[in-house]
């Protein structure tokens, strides 16, 4: 028997499917870890706090689009600083949430006016780590969707070839 270098359809389907399956499971695993972090933060204890700074920092940039035209865009970043007390010690924080991204829309910080009393989520193992909000990571949702598509292709293609 001489090896001709050709790969049969079953072998191809299994390699193709396995590659897509593994490629899809990695982002799903990463997303699950991120969701677990978000759930853990939601279970952190809360401490009373007070907003000391509340503003929106904006910056305008220019980029060249695919047609060669310069496009100006403005991004807005929420800036919120706060103090809070844990175990009789006053601490300072500046993280609105674990993940905060710049936006082209001006964020509404009316809930965080200077002097406003707030509840602060703080890490019981390191109270200096604190957030005002718990959010579900949009990036993790996107990773889950794309990972799911890859897993589906990785399972569907071999199934179609093997059971056709």
Protein backbone atom coordinates (compact mmCIF):
# COMPACT_ATOMS: atom_id res chain seq x y z
CA UNK A 1 0.00 0.00 0.00
CA UNK A 2 1.44 3.36 -1.03
CA UNK A 3 0.55 6.66 0.66
CA UNK A 4 -0.72 9.11 -1.95
CA UNK A 5 -1.13 12.10 0.38
CA UNK A 6 -4.89 12.22 -0.10
CA UNK A 7 -7.08 12.60 2.95
CA UNK A 8 -10.42 10.88 3.02
CA UNK A 9 -13.63 12.81 3.66
CA UNK A 10 -14.10 11.27 7.11
CA UNK A 11 -10.60 12.25 8.25
CA UNK A 12 -11.04 15.74 6.81
CA UNK A 13 -14.42 16.16 8.53
CA UNK A 14 -13.02 15.04 11.88
CA UNK A 15 -9.95 17.30 11.67
CA UNK A 16 -12.03 20.23 10.40
CA UNK A 17 -14.69 19.68 13.06
CA UNK A 18 -12.15 19.22 15.85
CA UNK A 19 -10.35 22.41 14.87
CA UNK A 20 -13.59 24.42 14.86
CA UNK A 21 -14.71 22.80 18.11
CA UNK A 22 -11.51 23.70 19.97
CA UNK A 23 -11.43 27.17 18.40
CA UNK A 24 -14.99 27.73 19.63
CA UNK A 25 -14.48 26.33 23.12
CA UNK A 26 -11.59 28.67 23.95
CA UNK A 27 -13.61 31.93 23.69
CA UNK A 28 -16.53 30.31 25.49
CA UNK A 29 -14.20 29.31 28.33
CA UNK A 30 -12.82 32.87 28.49
CA UNK A 31 -16.34 34.31 28.50
CA UNK A 32 -17.42 31.97 31.32
CA UNK A 33 -14.47 33.15 33.41
CA UNK A 34 -15.50 36.76 32.79
CA UNK A 35 -19.13 36.03 33.71
CA UNK A 36 -17.90 34.36 36.92
CA UNK A 37 -15.94 37.52 37.81
CA UNK A 38 -19.04 39.64 37.23
CA UNK A 39 -21.15 37.33 39.43
CA UNK A 40 -18.49 37.38 42.16
CA UNK A 41 -18.45 41.18 42.19
CA UNK A 42 -22.24 41.22 42.51
CA UNK A 43 -21.85 39.14 45.71
CA UNK A 44 -19.19 41.41 47.24
CA UNK A 45 -20.18 43.27 50.38
CA UNK A 46 -21.30 46.87 50.04
CA UNK A 47 -20.15 49.88 51.95
CA UNK A 48 -21.62 53.36 52.19
CA UNK A 49 -19.82 55.92 50.09
CA UNK A 50 -19.99 59.43 48.72
CA UNK A 51 -19.16 60.76 45.25
CA UNK A 52 -16.33 63.30 45.28
CA UNK A 53 -15.77 63.83 41.54
CA UNK A 54 -18.24 63.38 38.70
CA UNK A 55 -17.47 64.51 35.17
CA UNK A 56 -17.21 63.38 31.58
CA UNK A 57 -13.83 63.69 29.86
CA UNK A 58 -14.14 64.05 26.10
CA UNK A 59 -11.49 63.85 23.42
CA UNK A 60 -11.77 64.34 19.70
CA UNK A 61 -9.66 62.43 17.22
CA UNK A 62 -9.35 62.21 13.48
CA UNK A 63 -8.92 59.08 11.44
CA UNK A 64 -8.80 58.41 7.73
CA UNK A 65 -11.56 56.21 6.37
CA UNK A 66 -11.20 53.61 3.61
CA UNK A 67 -12.03 56.22 0.96
CA UNK A 68 -9.24 58.52 2.13
CA UNK A 69 -11.44 61.09 3.87
CA UNK A 70 -10.60 62.39 7.33
CA UNK A 71 -13.33 61.65 9.86
CA UNK A 72 -13.52 63.37 13.22
CA UNK A 73 -15.07 61.60 16.15
CA UNK A 74 -15.44 62.39 19.82
CA UNK A 75 -15.26 59.82 22.59
CA UNK A 76 -16.54 60.41 26.11
CA UNK A 77 -15.22 58.77 29.28
CA UNK A 78 -17.11 58.84 32.58
CA UNK A 79 -14.92 59.92 35.50
CA UNK A 80 -16.30 59.22 38.98
CA UNK A 81 -14.28 59.31 42.19
CA UNK A 82 -15.71 58.33 45.54
CA UNK A 83 -14.83 57.69 49.15
CA UNK A 84 -16.16 54.79 51.18
CA UNK A 85 -15.61 53.31 54.61
CA UNK A 86 -14.70 49.69 55.35
CA UNK A 87 -13.84 48.58 58.87
CA UNK A 88 -13.61 52.18 60.07
CA UNK A 89 -11.02 53.04 57.39
CA UNK A 90 -11.83 55.64 54.73
CA UNK A 91 -10.85 54.47 51.25
CA UNK A 92 -10.91 56.14 47.83
CA UNK A 93 -12.08 54.65 44.55
CA UNK A 94 -12.33 55.74 40.95
CA UNK A 95 -13.72 52.73 39.11
CA UNK A 96 -17.32 53.00 37.99
CA UNK A 97 -17.33 49.33 36.92
CA UNK A 98 -14.82 46.56 36.21
CA UNK A 99 -14.92 47.39 32.50
CA UNK A 100 -15.73 50.89 31.28
CA UNK A 101 -15.32 51.78 27.63
CA UNK A 102 -15.30 55.11 25.88
CA UNK A 103 -18.47 55.91 24.01
CA UNK A 104 -19.50 58.28 21.26
CA UNK A 105 -22.53 59.14 23.40
CA UNK A 106 -22.15 61.29 26.50
CA UNK A 107 -22.74 59.03 29.53
CA UNK A 108 -25.46 60.04 31.98
CA UNK A 109 -23.79 60.58 35.35
CA UNK A 110 -26.81 62.17 37.03
CA UNK A 111 -26.88 59.26 39.53
CA UNK A 112 -23.35 60.20 40.57
CA UNK A 113 -23.58 63.91 41.34
CA UNK A 114 -20.85 65.22 43.63
CA UNK A 115 -21.95 64.66 47.24
CA UNK A 116 -24.36 61.86 46.27
CA UNK A 117 -24.44 58.94 48.70
CA UNK A 118 -23.74 55.63 46.98
CA UNK A 119 -23.32 51.95 47.78
CA UNK A 120 -19.85 50.68 46.88
CA UNK A 121 -19.09 47.05 45.98
CA UNK A 122 -15.70 46.23 47.54
CA UNK A 123 -13.50 43.17 47.37
CA UNK A 124 -13.52 41.55 50.83
CA UNK A 125 -9.97 40.23 50.27
CA UNK A 126 -8.71 43.68 49.20
CA UNK A 127 -11.13 46.48 50.15
CA UNK A 128 -9.12 48.97 48.06
CA UNK A 129 -10.63 47.33 44.97
CA UNK A 130 -14.12 48.76 44.58
CA UNK A 131 -16.78 49.54 41.98
CA UNK A 132 -20.03 51.45 41.94
CA UNK A 133 -21.71 49.22 39.36
CA UNK A 134 -21.77 45.56 38.37
CA UNK A 135 -22.11 45.09 34.62
CA UNK A 136 -22.23 42.09 32.35
CA UNK A 137 -19.29 42.26 29.97
CA UNK A 138 -20.48 42.89 26.42
CA UNK A 139 -17.21 41.45 25.13
CA UNK A 140 -17.89 38.19 26.95
CA UNK A 141 -21.35 37.98 25.38
CA UNK A 142 -19.78 38.46 21.93
CA UNK A 143 -17.15 35.80 22.69
CA UNK A 144 -19.91 33.39 23.70
CA UNK A 145 -21.84 33.97 20.48
CA UNK A 146 -18.83 33.56 18.20
CA UNK A 147 -17.58 30.58 20.18
CA UNK A 148 -21.02 29.00 19.92
CA UNK A 149 -21.04 29.44 16.15
CA UNK A 150 -17.62 27.75 15.89
CA UNK A 151 -18.73 24.89 18.16
CA UNK A 152 -21.90 24.42 16.09
CA UNK A 153 -19.89 24.26 12.85
CA UNK A 154 -17.39 21.93 14.53
CA UNK A 155 -20.18 19.53 15.45
CA UNK A 156 -22.38 19.94 12.39
CA UNK A 157 -19.83 19.38 9.61
CA UNK A 158 -18.55 16.02 10.88
CA UNK A 159 -22.10 14.92 11.63
CA UNK A 160 -23.18 15.73 8.07
CA UNK A 161 -20.22 13.88 6.59
CA UNK A 162 -20.39 10.85 8.89
CA UNK A 163 -24.16 10.40 8.86
CA UNK A 164 -24.91 11.47 5.28
